[in-house]
């Protein structure tokens, strides 16, 4: 089942954003300083990025589920986006019917 794993925010100053959002949401810094994690299990983490667009990362458990969810989301009206993927990509970039980008990420990869 697809779930929101992370909200990626485009920020101009990752340190300032981390300070603000950790206090606003009660999130804690992760081992990777680009991420803030919630105190409770199951909530989406926050990814602070100075170069990427704001978008959702939807997580699935394995490659088979990723393929099925991409197919399902395309059937609902999403479209696959041309993207320059790295060789070891664990994500597929889609756009919703309004053109908003989001990723379906294989967390098992």
PDB file of N, CA and C in Angstrom:
ATOM      1  N   UNK A   1       0.840  -1.179   0.000  1.00  0.00           N
ATOM      2  CA  UNK A   1       0.000   0.000   0.000  1.00  0.00           C
ATOM      3  C   UNK A   1       0.887   1.244   0.000  1.00  0.00           C
ATOM      4  N   UNK A   2       0.611   2.141  -0.898  1.00  0.00           N
ATOM      5  CA  UNK A   2       1.380   3.372  -0.989  1.00  0.00           C
ATOM      6  C   UNK A   2       1.033   4.281   0.192  1.00  0.00           C
ATOM      7  N   UNK A   3       2.045   4.988   0.700  1.00  0.00           N
ATOM      8  CA  UNK A   3       1.832   5.890   1.831  1.00  0.00           C
ATOM      9  C   UNK A   3       2.762   7.090   1.689  1.00  0.00           C
ATOM     10  N   UNK A   4       2.407   8.197   2.298  1.00  0.00           N
ATOM     11  CA  UNK A   4       3.290   9.352   2.271  1.00  0.00           C
ATOM     12  C   UNK A   4       4.448   9.062   3.219  1.00  0.00           C
ATOM     13  N   UNK A   5       5.641   8.975   2.661  1.00  0.00           N
ATOM     14  CA  UNK A   5       6.825   8.713   3.464  1.00  0.00           C
ATOM     15  C   UNK A   5       7.556   9.983   3.829  1.00  0.00           C
ATOM     16  N   UNK A   6       7.525  10.957   2.915  1.00  0.00           N
ATOM     17  CA  UNK A   6       8.228  12.212   3.163  1.00  0.00           C
ATOM     18  C   UNK A   6       7.576  13.331   2.372  1.00  0.00           C
ATOM     19  N   UNK A   7       7.651  14.502   2.942  1.00  0.00           N
ATOM     20  CA  UNK A   7       7.308  15.726   2.245  1.00  0.00           C
ATOM     21  C   UNK A   7       8.644  16.425   2.001  1.00  0.00           C
ATOM     22  N   UNK A   8       8.947  16.669   0.737  1.00  0.00           N
ATOM     23  CA  UNK A   8      10.193  17.333   0.375  1.00  0.00           C
ATOM     24  C   UNK A   8       9.887  18.816   0.213  1.00  0.00           C
ATOM     25  N   UNK A   9      10.559  19.637   1.002  1.00  0.00           N
ATOM     26  CA  UNK A   9      10.375  21.082   0.927  1.00  0.00           C
ATOM     27  C   UNK A   9      11.600  21.727   0.300  1.00  0.00           C
ATOM     28  N   UNK A  10      11.382  22.578  -0.680  1.00  0.00           N
ATOM     29  CA  UNK A  10      12.461  23.374  -1.231  1.00  0.00           C
ATOM     30  C   UNK A  10      12.684  24.541  -0.281  1.00  0.00           C
ATOM     31  N   UNK A  11      13.895  24.660   0.245  1.00  0.00           N
ATOM     32  CA  UNK A  11      14.216  25.712   1.206  1.00  0.00           C
ATOM     33  C   UNK A  11      15.466  26.461   0.748  1.00  0.00           C
ATOM     34  N   UNK A  12      15.584  27.718   1.153  1.00  0.00           N
ATOM     35  CA  UNK A  12      16.769  28.503   0.779  1.00  0.00           C
ATOM     36  C   UNK A  12      17.897  28.341   1.792  1.00  0.00           C
ATOM     37  N   UNK A  13      17.576  27.947   3.020  1.00  0.00           N
ATOM     38  CA  UNK A  13      18.578  27.767   4.072  1.00  0.00           C
ATOM     39  C   UNK A  13      18.155  26.565   4.906  1.00  0.00           C
ATOM     40  N   UNK A  14      18.809  25.427   4.655  1.00  0.00           N
ATOM     41  CA  UNK A  14      18.422  24.178   5.311  1.00  0.00           C
ATOM     42  C   UNK A  14      18.512  24.272   6.831  1.00  0.00           C
ATOM     43  N   UNK A  15      19.529  24.945   7.358  1.00  0.00           N
ATOM     44  CA  UNK A  15      19.703  25.044   8.815  1.00  0.00           C
ATOM     45  C   UNK A  15      18.580  25.872   9.447  1.00  0.00           C
ATOM     46  N   UNK A  16      18.251  26.991   8.833  1.00  0.00           N
ATOM     47  CA  UNK A  16      17.149  27.816   9.334  1.00  0.00           C
ATOM     48  C   UNK A  16      15.835  27.054   9.261  1.00  0.00           C
ATOM     49  N   UNK A  17      15.606  26.372   8.138  1.00  0.00           N
ATOM     50  CA  UNK A  17      14.373  25.595   7.974  1.00  0.00           C
ATOM     51  C   UNK A  17      14.294  24.466   8.995  1.00  0.00           C
ATOM     52  N   UNK A  18      15.418  23.804   9.237  1.00  0.00           N
ATOM     53  CA  UNK A  18      15.431  22.710  10.213  1.00  0.00           C
ATOM     54  C   UNK A  18      15.084  23.227  11.604  1.00  0.00           C
ATOM     55  N   UNK A  19      15.625  24.367  11.967  1.00  0.00           N
ATOM     56  CA  UNK A  19      15.321  24.950  13.269  1.00  0.00           C
ATOM     57  C   UNK A  19      13.834  25.276  13.381  1.00  0.00           C
ATOM     58  N   UNK A  20      13.308  25.927  12.352  1.00  0.00           N
ATOM     59  CA  UNK A  20      11.890  26.298  12.378  1.00  0.00           C
ATOM     60  C   UNK A  20      10.989  25.074  12.426  1.00  0.00           C
ATOM     61  N   UNK A  21      11.166  24.148  11.470  1.00  0.00           N
ATOM     62  CA  UNK A  21      10.240  23.013  11.357  1.00  0.00           C
ATOM     63  C   UNK A  21      10.371  22.036  12.515  1.00  0.00           C
ATOM     64  N   UNK A  22      11.567  21.874  13.071  1.00  0.00           N
ATOM     65  CA  UNK A  22      11.689  20.965  14.219  1.00  0.00           C
ATOM     66  C   UNK A  22      10.933  21.518  15.411  1.00  0.00           C
ATOM     67  N   UNK A  23      10.981  22.830  15.600  1.00  0.00           N
ATOM     68  CA  UNK A  23      10.232  23.443  16.693  1.00  0.00           C
ATOM     69  C   UNK A  23       8.726  23.476  16.395  1.00  0.00           C
ATOM     70  N   UNK A  24       8.366  23.774  15.152  1.00  0.00           N
ATOM     71  CA  UNK A  24       6.955  23.870  14.793  1.00  0.00           C
ATOM     72  C   UNK A  24       6.244  22.529  14.888  1.00  0.00           C
ATOM     73  N   UNK A  25       6.933  21.452  14.485  1.00  0.00           N
ATOM     74  CA  UNK A  25       6.284  20.136  14.420  1.00  0.00           C
ATOM     75  C   UNK A  25       6.712  19.188  15.526  1.00  0.00           C
ATOM     76  N   UNK A  26       7.732  19.550  16.284  1.00  0.00           N
ATOM     77  CA  UNK A  26       8.252  18.633  17.294  1.00  0.00           C
ATOM     78  C   UNK A  26       9.051  17.495  16.678  1.00  0.00           C
ATOM     79  N   UNK A  27       9.556  17.700  15.463  1.00  0.00           N
ATOM     80  CA  UNK A  27      10.372  16.701  14.777  1.00  0.00           C
ATOM     81  C   UNK A  27      11.816  16.826  15.253  1.00  0.00           C
ATOM     82  N   UNK A  28      12.576  15.732  15.120  1.00  0.00           N
ATOM     83  CA  UNK A  28      13.978  15.720  15.534  1.00  0.00           C
ATOM     84  C   UNK A  28      14.872  15.530  14.308  1.00  0.00           C
ATOM     85  N   UNK A  29      16.074  16.074  14.344  1.00  0.00           N
ATOM     86  CA  UNK A  29      17.015  15.831  13.245  1.00  0.00           C
ATOM     87  C   UNK A  29      17.347  14.340  13.145  1.00  0.00           C
ATOM     88  N   UNK A  30      17.463  13.859  11.922  1.00  0.00           N
ATOM     89  CA  UNK A  30      17.864  12.474  11.685  1.00  0.00           C
ATOM     90  C   UNK A  30      19.380  12.416  11.550  1.00  0.00           C
ATOM     91  N   UNK A  31      19.927  11.222  11.366  1.00  0.00           N
ATOM     92  CA  UNK A  31      21.367  11.077  11.156  1.00  0.00           C
ATOM     93  C   UNK A  31      21.804  11.877   9.931  1.00  0.00           C
ATOM     94  N   UNK A  32      20.990  11.873   8.895  1.00  0.00           N
ATOM     95  CA  UNK A  32      21.221  12.710   7.720  1.00  0.00           C
ATOM     96  C   UNK A  32      20.618  14.071   8.028  1.00  0.00           C
ATOM     97  N   UNK A  33      21.391  15.145   8.062  1.00  0.00           N
ATOM     98  CA  UNK A  33      20.872  16.450   8.483  1.00  0.00           C
ATOM     99  C   UNK A  33      19.833  17.054   7.535  1.00  0.00           C
ATOM    100  N   UNK A  34      19.628  16.435   6.368  1.00  0.00           N
ATOM    101  CA  UNK A  34      18.593  16.916   5.448  1.00  0.00           C
ATOM    102  C   UNK A  34      17.197  16.482   5.878  1.00  0.00           C
ATOM    103  N   UNK A  35      17.115  15.591   6.865  1.00  0.00           N
ATOM    104  CA  UNK A  35      15.828  15.027   7.251  1.00  0.00           C
ATOM    105  C   UNK A  35      15.464  15.357   8.691  1.00  0.00           C
ATOM    106  N   UNK A  36      14.185  15.611   8.901  1.00  0.00           N
ATOM    107  CA  UNK A  36      13.610  15.716  10.238  1.00  0.00           C
ATOM    108  C   UNK A  36      12.615  14.573  10.366  1.00  0.00           C
ATOM    109  N   UNK A  37      12.622  13.920  11.515  1.00  0.00           N
ATOM    110  CA  UNK A  37      11.759  12.753  11.703  1.00  0.00           C
ATOM    111  C   UNK A  37      10.771  12.997  12.840  1.00  0.00           C
ATOM    112  N   UNK A  38       9.572  12.433  12.690  1.00  0.00           N
ATOM    113  CA  UNK A  38       8.549  12.612  13.711  1.00  0.00           C
ATOM    114  C   UNK A  38       8.813  11.733  14.921  1.00  0.00           C
ATOM    115  N   UNK A  39       8.233  12.118  16.043  1.00  0.00           N
ATOM    116  CA  UNK A  39       8.359  11.323  17.266  1.00  0.00           C
ATOM    117  C   UNK A  39       7.535  10.043  17.171  1.00  0.00           C
ATOM    118  N   UNK A  40       6.375  10.113  16.501  1.00  0.00           N
ATOM    119  CA  UNK A  40       5.498   8.940  16.431  1.00  0.00           C
ATOM    120  C   UNK A  40       5.753   8.140  15.159  1.00  0.00           C
ATOM    121  N   UNK A  41       5.630   6.823  15.279  1.00  0.00           N
ATOM    122  CA  UNK A  41       5.797   5.949  14.124  1.00  0.00           C
ATOM    123  C   UNK A  41       4.668   6.172  13.126  1.00  0.00           C
ATOM    124  N   UNK A  42       5.017   6.036  11.855  1.00  0.00           N
ATOM    125  CA  UNK A  42       4.003   6.106  10.815  1.00  0.00           C
ATOM    126  C   UNK A  42       3.785   7.482  10.211  1.00  0.00           C
ATOM    127  N   UNK A  43       4.267   8.524  10.861  1.00  0.00           N
ATOM    128  CA  UNK A  43       4.099   9.865  10.297  1.00  0.00           C
ATOM    129  C   UNK A  43       5.194  10.124   9.264  1.00  0.00           C
ATOM    130  N   UNK A  44       4.905  10.986   8.317  1.00  0.00           N
ATOM    131  CA  UNK A  44       5.867  11.304   7.257  1.00  0.00           C
ATOM    132  C   UNK A  44       7.038  12.105   7.811  1.00  0.00           C
ATOM    133  N   UNK A  45       8.212  11.834   7.277  1.00  0.00           N
ATOM    134  CA  UNK A  45       9.367  12.647   7.643  1.00  0.00           C
ATOM    135  C   UNK A  45       9.393  13.887   6.756  1.00  0.00           C
ATOM    136  N   UNK A  46      10.205  14.838   7.109  1.00  0.00           N
ATOM    137  CA  UNK A  46      10.348  16.072   6.359  1.00  0.00           C
ATOM    138  C   UNK A  46      11.757  16.109   5.774  1.00  0.00           C
ATOM    139  N   UNK A  47      11.841  16.276   4.467  1.00  0.00           N
ATOM    140  CA  UNK A  47      13.128  16.336   3.773  1.00  0.00           C
ATOM    141  C   UNK A  47      13.338  17.778   3.337  1.00  0.00           C
ATOM    142  N   UNK A  48      14.371  18.412   3.847  1.00  0.00           N
ATOM    143  CA  UNK A  48      14.684  19.811   3.538  1.00  0.00           C
ATOM    144  C   UNK A  48      15.752  19.834   2.449  1.00  0.00           C
ATOM    145  N   UNK A  49      15.416  20.437   1.321  1.00  0.00           N
ATOM    146  CA  UNK A  49      16.295  20.368   0.156  1.00  0.00           C
ATOM    147  C   UNK A  49      16.453  21.743  -0.477  1.00  0.00           C
ATOM    148  N   UNK A  50      17.681  22.155  -0.691  1.00  0.00           N
ATOM    149  CA  UNK A  50      17.945  23.471  -1.268  1.00  0.00           C
ATOM    150  C   UNK A  50      17.944  23.465  -2.786  1.00  0.00           C
ATOM    151  N   UNK A  51      17.844  22.284  -3.421  1.00  0.00           N
ATOM    152  CA  UNK A  51      17.897  22.227  -4.881  1.00  0.00           C
ATOM    153  C   UNK A  51      16.668  21.589  -5.523  1.00  0.00           C
ATOM    154  N   UNK A  52      15.945  20.776  -4.807  1.00  0.00           N
ATOM    155  CA  UNK A  52      14.813  20.046  -5.380  1.00  0.00           C
ATOM    156  C   UNK A  52      13.518  20.833  -5.225  1.00  0.00           C
ATOM    157  N   UNK A  53      12.527  20.476  -6.006  1.00  0.00           N
ATOM    158  CA  UNK A  53      11.204  21.087  -5.899  1.00  0.00           C
ATOM    159  C   UNK A  53      10.462  20.525  -4.689  1.00  0.00           C
ATOM    160  N   UNK A  54       9.490  21.266  -4.203  1.00  0.00           N
ATOM    161  CA  UNK A  54       8.606  20.746  -3.169  1.00  0.00           C
ATOM    162  C   UNK A  54       7.737  19.662  -3.799  1.00  0.00           C
ATOM    163  N   UNK A  55       7.690  18.503  -3.162  1.00  0.00           N
ATOM    164  CA  UNK A  55       6.895  17.385  -3.680  1.00  0.00           C
ATOM    165  C   UNK A  55       6.703  16.326  -2.595  1.00  0.00           C
ATOM    166  N   UNK A  56       5.834  15.367  -2.878  1.00  0.00           N
ATOM    167  CA  UNK A  56       5.615  14.234  -1.981  1.00  0.00           C
ATOM    168  C   UNK A  56       6.469  13.061  -2.421  1.00  0.00           C
ATOM    169  N   UNK A  57       6.981  12.313  -1.450  1.00  0.00           N
ATOM    170  CA  UNK A  57       7.591  11.015  -1.693  1.00  0.00           C
ATOM    171  C   UNK A  57       6.627   9.972  -1.150  1.00  0.00           C
ATOM    172  N   UNK A  58       6.111   9.140  -2.044  1.00  0.00           N
ATOM    173  CA  UNK A  58       5.221   8.056  -1.651  1.00  0.00           C
ATOM    174  C   UNK A  58       6.045   6.786  -1.566  1.00  0.00           C
ATOM    175  N   UNK A  59       5.919   6.072  -0.460  1.00  0.00           N
ATOM    176  CA  UNK A  59       6.738   4.889  -0.215  1.00  0.00           C
ATOM    177  C   UNK A  59       5.938   3.615  -0.429  1.00  0.00           C
ATOM    178  N   UNK A  60       6.618   2.622  -0.964  1.00  0.00           N
ATOM    179  CA  UNK A  60       6.108   1.260  -1.063  1.00  0.00           C
ATOM    180  C   UNK A  60       7.205   0.330  -0.550  1.00  0.00           C
ATOM    181  N   UNK A  61       6.864  -0.931  -0.306  1.00  0.00           N
ATOM    182  CA  UNK A  61       7.808  -1.838   0.341  1.00  0.00           C
ATOM    183  C   UNK A  61       8.789  -2.542  -0.588  1.00  0.00           C
ATOM    184  N   UNK A  62       8.433  -2.704  -1.875  1.00  0.00           N
ATOM    185  CA  UNK A  62       9.327  -3.428  -2.780  1.00  0.00           C
ATOM    186  C   UNK A  62       9.055  -3.043  -4.228  1.00  0.00           C
ATOM    187  N   UNK A  63       9.894  -3.557  -5.135  1.00  0.00           N
ATOM    188  CA  UNK A  63       9.817  -3.197  -6.554  1.00  0.00           C
ATOM    189  C   UNK A  63       8.502  -3.648  -7.188  1.00  0.00           C
ATOM    190  N   UNK A  64       8.013  -4.802  -6.799  1.00  0.00           N
ATOM    191  CA  UNK A  64       6.744  -5.297  -7.348  1.00  0.00           C
ATOM    192  C   UNK A  64       5.594  -4.359  -6.974  1.00  0.00           C
ATOM    193  N   UNK A  65       5.567  -3.957  -5.730  1.00  0.00           N
ATOM    194  CA  UNK A  65       4.530  -3.026  -5.285  1.00  0.00           C
ATOM    195  C   UNK A  65       4.698  -1.665  -5.971  1.00  0.00           C
ATOM    196  N   UNK A  66       5.932  -1.251  -6.181  1.00  0.00           N
ATOM    197  CA  UNK A  66       6.186   0.007  -6.873  1.00  0.00           C
ATOM    198  C   UNK A  66       5.589  -0.038  -8.288  1.00  0.00           C
ATOM    199  N   UNK A  67       5.858  -1.106  -9.015  1.00  0.00           N
ATOM    200  CA  UNK A  67       5.305  -1.243 -10.365  1.00  0.00           C
ATOM    201  C   UNK A  67       3.779  -1.198 -10.348  1.00  0.00           C
ATOM    202  N   UNK A  68       3.167  -1.912  -9.392  1.00  0.00           N
ATOM    203  CA  UNK A  68       1.709  -1.959  -9.300  1.00  0.00           C
ATOM    204  C   UNK A  68       1.130  -0.585  -8.957  1.00  0.00           C
ATOM    205  N   UNK A  69       1.780   0.121  -8.043  1.00  0.00           N
ATOM    206  CA  UNK A  69       1.275   1.441  -7.645  1.00  0.00           C
ATOM    207  C   UNK A  69       1.447   2.463  -8.767  1.00  0.00           C
ATOM    208  N   UNK A  70       2.561   2.411  -9.477  1.00  0.00           N
ATOM    209  CA  UNK A  70       2.745   3.322 -10.610  1.00  0.00           C
ATOM    210  C   UNK A  70       1.650   3.070 -11.638  1.00  0.00           C
ATOM    211  N   UNK A  71       1.390   1.812 -11.940  1.00  0.00           N
ATOM    212  CA  UNK A  71       0.331   1.471 -12.889  1.00  0.00           C
ATOM    213  C   UNK A  71      -1.032   1.967 -12.397  1.00  0.00           C
ATOM    214  N   UNK A  72      -1.321   1.765 -11.124  1.00  0.00           N
ATOM    215  CA  UNK A  72      -2.600   2.199 -10.545  1.00  0.00           C
ATOM    216  C   UNK A  72      -2.740   3.721 -10.591  1.00  0.00           C
ATOM    217  N   UNK A  73      -1.678   4.428 -10.230  1.00  0.00           N
ATOM    218  CA  UNK A  73      -1.726   5.887 -10.212  1.00  0.00           C
ATOM    219  C   UNK A  73      -1.862   6.464 -11.622  1.00  0.00           C
ATOM    220  N   UNK A  74      -1.202   5.851 -12.589  1.00  0.00           N
ATOM    221  CA  UNK A  74      -1.354   6.281 -13.981  1.00  0.00           C
ATOM    222  C   UNK A  74      -2.798   6.054 -14.436  1.00  0.00           C
ATOM    223  N   UNK A  75      -3.384   4.938 -14.045  1.00  0.00           N
ATOM    224  CA  UNK A  75      -4.781   4.668 -14.390  1.00  0.00           C
ATOM    225  C   UNK A  75      -5.726   5.696 -13.762  1.00  0.00           C
ATOM    226  N   UNK A  76      -5.322   6.270 -12.625  1.00  0.00           N
ATOM    227  CA  UNK A  76      -6.134   7.290 -11.957  1.00  0.00           C
ATOM    228  C   UNK A  76      -5.962   8.679 -12.579  1.00  0.00           C
ATOM    229  N   UNK A  77      -4.973   8.840 -13.459  1.00  0.00           N
ATOM    230  CA  UNK A  77      -4.777  10.131 -14.111  1.00  0.00           C
ATOM    231  C   UNK A  77      -3.391  10.716 -13.996  1.00  0.00           C
ATOM    232  N   UNK A  78      -2.494  10.056 -13.255  1.00  0.00           N
ATOM    233  CA  UNK A  78      -1.104  10.525 -13.193  1.00  0.00           C
ATOM    234  C   UNK A  78      -0.424  10.201 -14.521  1.00  0.00           C
ATOM    235  N   UNK A  79       0.721  10.828 -14.744  1.00  0.00           N
ATOM    236  CA  UNK A  79       1.509  10.488 -15.928  1.00  0.00           C
ATOM    237  C   UNK A  79       2.975  10.371 -15.527  1.00  0.00           C
ATOM    238  N   UNK A  80       3.674   9.465 -16.221  1.00  0.00           N
ATOM    239  CA  UNK A  80       5.102   9.339 -15.969  1.00  0.00           C
ATOM    240  C   UNK A  80       5.812  10.529 -16.585  1.00  0.00           C
ATOM    241  N   UNK A  81       6.837  10.996 -15.911  1.00  0.00           N
ATOM    242  CA  UNK A  81       7.582  12.177 -16.314  1.00  0.00           C
ATOM    243  C   UNK A  81       8.946  11.738 -16.833  1.00  0.00           C
ATOM    244  N   UNK A  82       9.377  12.317 -17.939  1.00  0.00           N
ATOM    245  CA  UNK A  82      10.730  12.041 -18.408  1.00  0.00           C
ATOM    246  C   UNK A  82      11.700  12.570 -17.364  1.00  0.00           C
ATOM    247  N   UNK A  83      12.648  11.727 -16.980  1.00  0.00           N
ATOM    248  CA  UNK A  83      13.560  12.085 -15.900  1.00  0.00           C
ATOM    249  C   UNK A  83      14.912  11.473 -16.181  1.00  0.00           C
ATOM    250  N   UNK A  84      15.967  12.106 -15.775  1.00  0.00           N
ATOM    251  CA  UNK A  84      17.310  11.572 -15.896  1.00  0.00           C
ATOM    252  C   UNK A  84      17.601  10.766 -14.634  1.00  0.00           C
ATOM    253  N   UNK A  85      17.275   9.476 -14.678  1.00  0.00           N
ATOM    254  CA  UNK A  85      17.418   8.604 -13.512  1.00  0.00           C
ATOM    255  C   UNK A  85      18.854   8.097 -13.363  1.00  0.00           C
ATOM    256  N   UNK A  86      19.356   8.032 -12.122  1.00  0.00           N
ATOM    257  CA  UNK A  86      20.643   7.365 -11.918  1.00  0.00           C
ATOM    258  C   UNK A  86      20.463   5.860 -12.129  1.00  0.00           C
ATOM    259  N   UNK A  87      21.573   5.149 -12.332  1.00  0.00           N
ATOM    260  CA  UNK A  87      21.500   3.704 -12.591  1.00  0.00           C
ATOM    261  C   UNK A  87      20.841   2.933 -11.455  1.00  0.00           C
ATOM    262  N   UNK A  88      21.025   3.386 -10.227  1.00  0.00           N
ATOM    263  CA  UNK A  88      20.490   2.671  -9.066  1.00  0.00           C
ATOM    264  C   UNK A  88      19.227   3.335  -8.508  1.00  0.00           C
ATOM    265  N   UNK A  89      18.450   3.978  -9.367  1.00  0.00           N
ATOM    266  CA  UNK A  89      17.258   4.713  -8.913  1.00  0.00           C
ATOM    267  C   UNK A  89      16.273   3.778  -8.211  1.00  0.00           C
ATOM    268  N   UNK A  90      15.802   4.229  -7.058  1.00  0.00           N
ATOM    269  CA  UNK A  90      14.778   3.496  -6.314  1.00  0.00           C
ATOM    270  C   UNK A  90      13.436   4.226  -6.408  1.00  0.00           C
ATOM    271  N   UNK A  91      13.323   5.183  -7.316  1.00  0.00           N
ATOM    272  CA  UNK A  91      12.138   6.022  -7.407  1.00  0.00           C
ATOM    273  C   UNK A  91      11.667   6.154  -8.852  1.00  0.00           C
ATOM    274  N   UNK A  92      10.363   6.435  -8.985  1.00  0.00           N
ATOM    275  CA  UNK A  92       9.750   6.743 -10.273  1.00  0.00           C
ATOM    276  C   UNK A  92       9.070   8.095 -10.109  1.00  0.00           C
ATOM    277  N   UNK A  93       9.323   9.009 -11.045  1.00  0.00           N
ATOM    278  CA  UNK A  93       8.738  10.347 -10.975  1.00  0.00           C
ATOM    279  C   UNK A  93       7.452  10.372 -11.793  1.00  0.00           C
ATOM    280  N   UNK A  94       6.385  10.814 -11.142  1.00  0.00           N
ATOM    281  CA  UNK A  94       5.084  10.963 -11.773  1.00  0.00           C
ATOM    282  C   UNK A  94       4.611  12.399 -11.587  1.00  0.00           C
ATOM    283  N   UNK A  95       3.598  12.763 -12.350  1.00  0.00           N
ATOM    284  CA  UNK A  95       2.921  14.045 -12.166  1.00  0.00           C
ATOM    285  C   UNK A  95       1.441  13.767 -12.006  1.00  0.00           C
ATOM    286  N   UNK A  96       0.803  14.479 -11.086  1.00  0.00           N
ATOM    287  CA  UNK A  96      -0.643  14.333 -10.920  1.00  0.00           C
ATOM    288  C   UNK A  96      -1.345  15.038 -12.088  1.00  0.00           C
ATOM    289  N   UNK A  97      -2.670  14.966 -12.181  1.00  0.00           N
ATOM    290  CA  UNK A  97      -3.372  15.586 -13.312  1.00  0.00           C
ATOM    291  C   UNK A  97      -3.143  17.092 -13.451  1.00  0.00           C
ATOM    292  N   UNK A  98      -2.718  17.773 -12.379  1.00  0.00           N
ATOM    293  CA  UNK A  98      -2.424  19.199 -12.451  1.00  0.00           C
ATOM    294  C   UNK A  98      -0.951  19.484 -12.724  1.00  0.00           C
ATOM    295  N   UNK A  99      -0.153  18.450 -12.878  1.00  0.00           N
ATOM    296  CA  UNK A  99       1.266  18.630 -13.172  1.00  0.00           C
ATOM    297  C   UNK A  99       2.178  18.662 -11.967  1.00  0.00           C
ATOM    298  N   UNK A 100       1.637  18.472 -10.760  1.00  0.00           N
ATOM    299  CA  UNK A 100       2.454  18.445  -9.549  1.00  0.00           C
ATOM    300  C   UNK A 100       3.264  17.137  -9.520  1.00  0.00           C
ATOM    301  N   UNK A 101       4.567  17.270  -9.364  1.00  0.00           N
ATOM    302  CA  UNK A 101       5.429  16.083  -9.341  1.00  0.00           C
ATOM    303  C   UNK A 101       5.356  15.386  -7.998  1.00  0.00           C
ATOM    304  N   UNK A 102       5.525  14.050  -8.055  1.00  0.00           N
ATOM    305  CA  UNK A 102       5.681  13.253  -6.853  1.00  0.00           C
ATOM    306  C   UNK A 102       6.473  12.009  -7.231  1.00  0.00           C
ATOM    307  N   UNK A 103       7.058  11.367  -6.232  1.00  0.00           N
ATOM    308  CA  UNK A 103       7.876  10.178  -6.476  1.00  0.00           C
ATOM    309  C   UNK A 103       7.245   8.973  -5.785  1.00  0.00           C
ATOM    310  N   UNK A 104       7.354   7.816  -6.438  1.00  0.00           N
ATOM    311  CA  UNK A 104       6.999   6.540  -5.811  1.00  0.00           C
ATOM    312  C   UNK A 104       8.324   5.832  -5.559  1.00  0.00           C
ATOM    313  N   UNK A 105       8.634   5.632  -4.279  1.00  0.00           N
ATOM    314  CA  UNK A 105       9.940   5.136  -3.866  1.00  0.00           C
ATOM    315  C   UNK A 105       9.842   3.718  -3.316  1.00  0.00           C
ATOM    316  N   UNK A 106      10.710   2.844  -3.822  1.00  0.00           N
ATOM    317  CA  UNK A 106      10.830   1.469  -3.342  1.00  0.00           C
ATOM    318  C   UNK A 106      11.718   1.480  -2.108  1.00  0.00           C
ATOM    319  N   UNK A 107      11.124   1.402  -0.932  1.00  0.00           N
ATOM    320  CA  UNK A 107      11.882   1.437   0.322  1.00  0.00           C
ATOM    321  C   UNK A 107      12.712   0.161   0.535  1.00  0.00           C
ATOM    322  N   UNK A 108      12.421  -0.903  -0.217  1.00  0.00           N
ATOM    323  CA  UNK A 108      13.182  -2.137  -0.089  1.00  0.00           C
ATOM    324  C   UNK A 108      14.469  -2.124  -0.880  1.00  0.00           C
ATOM    325  N   UNK A 109      14.649  -1.134  -1.738  1.00  0.00           N
ATOM    326  CA  UNK A 109      15.847  -1.094  -2.590  1.00  0.00           C
ATOM    327  C   UNK A 109      17.078  -0.702  -1.803  1.00  0.00           C
TER     328      UNK A 109
END
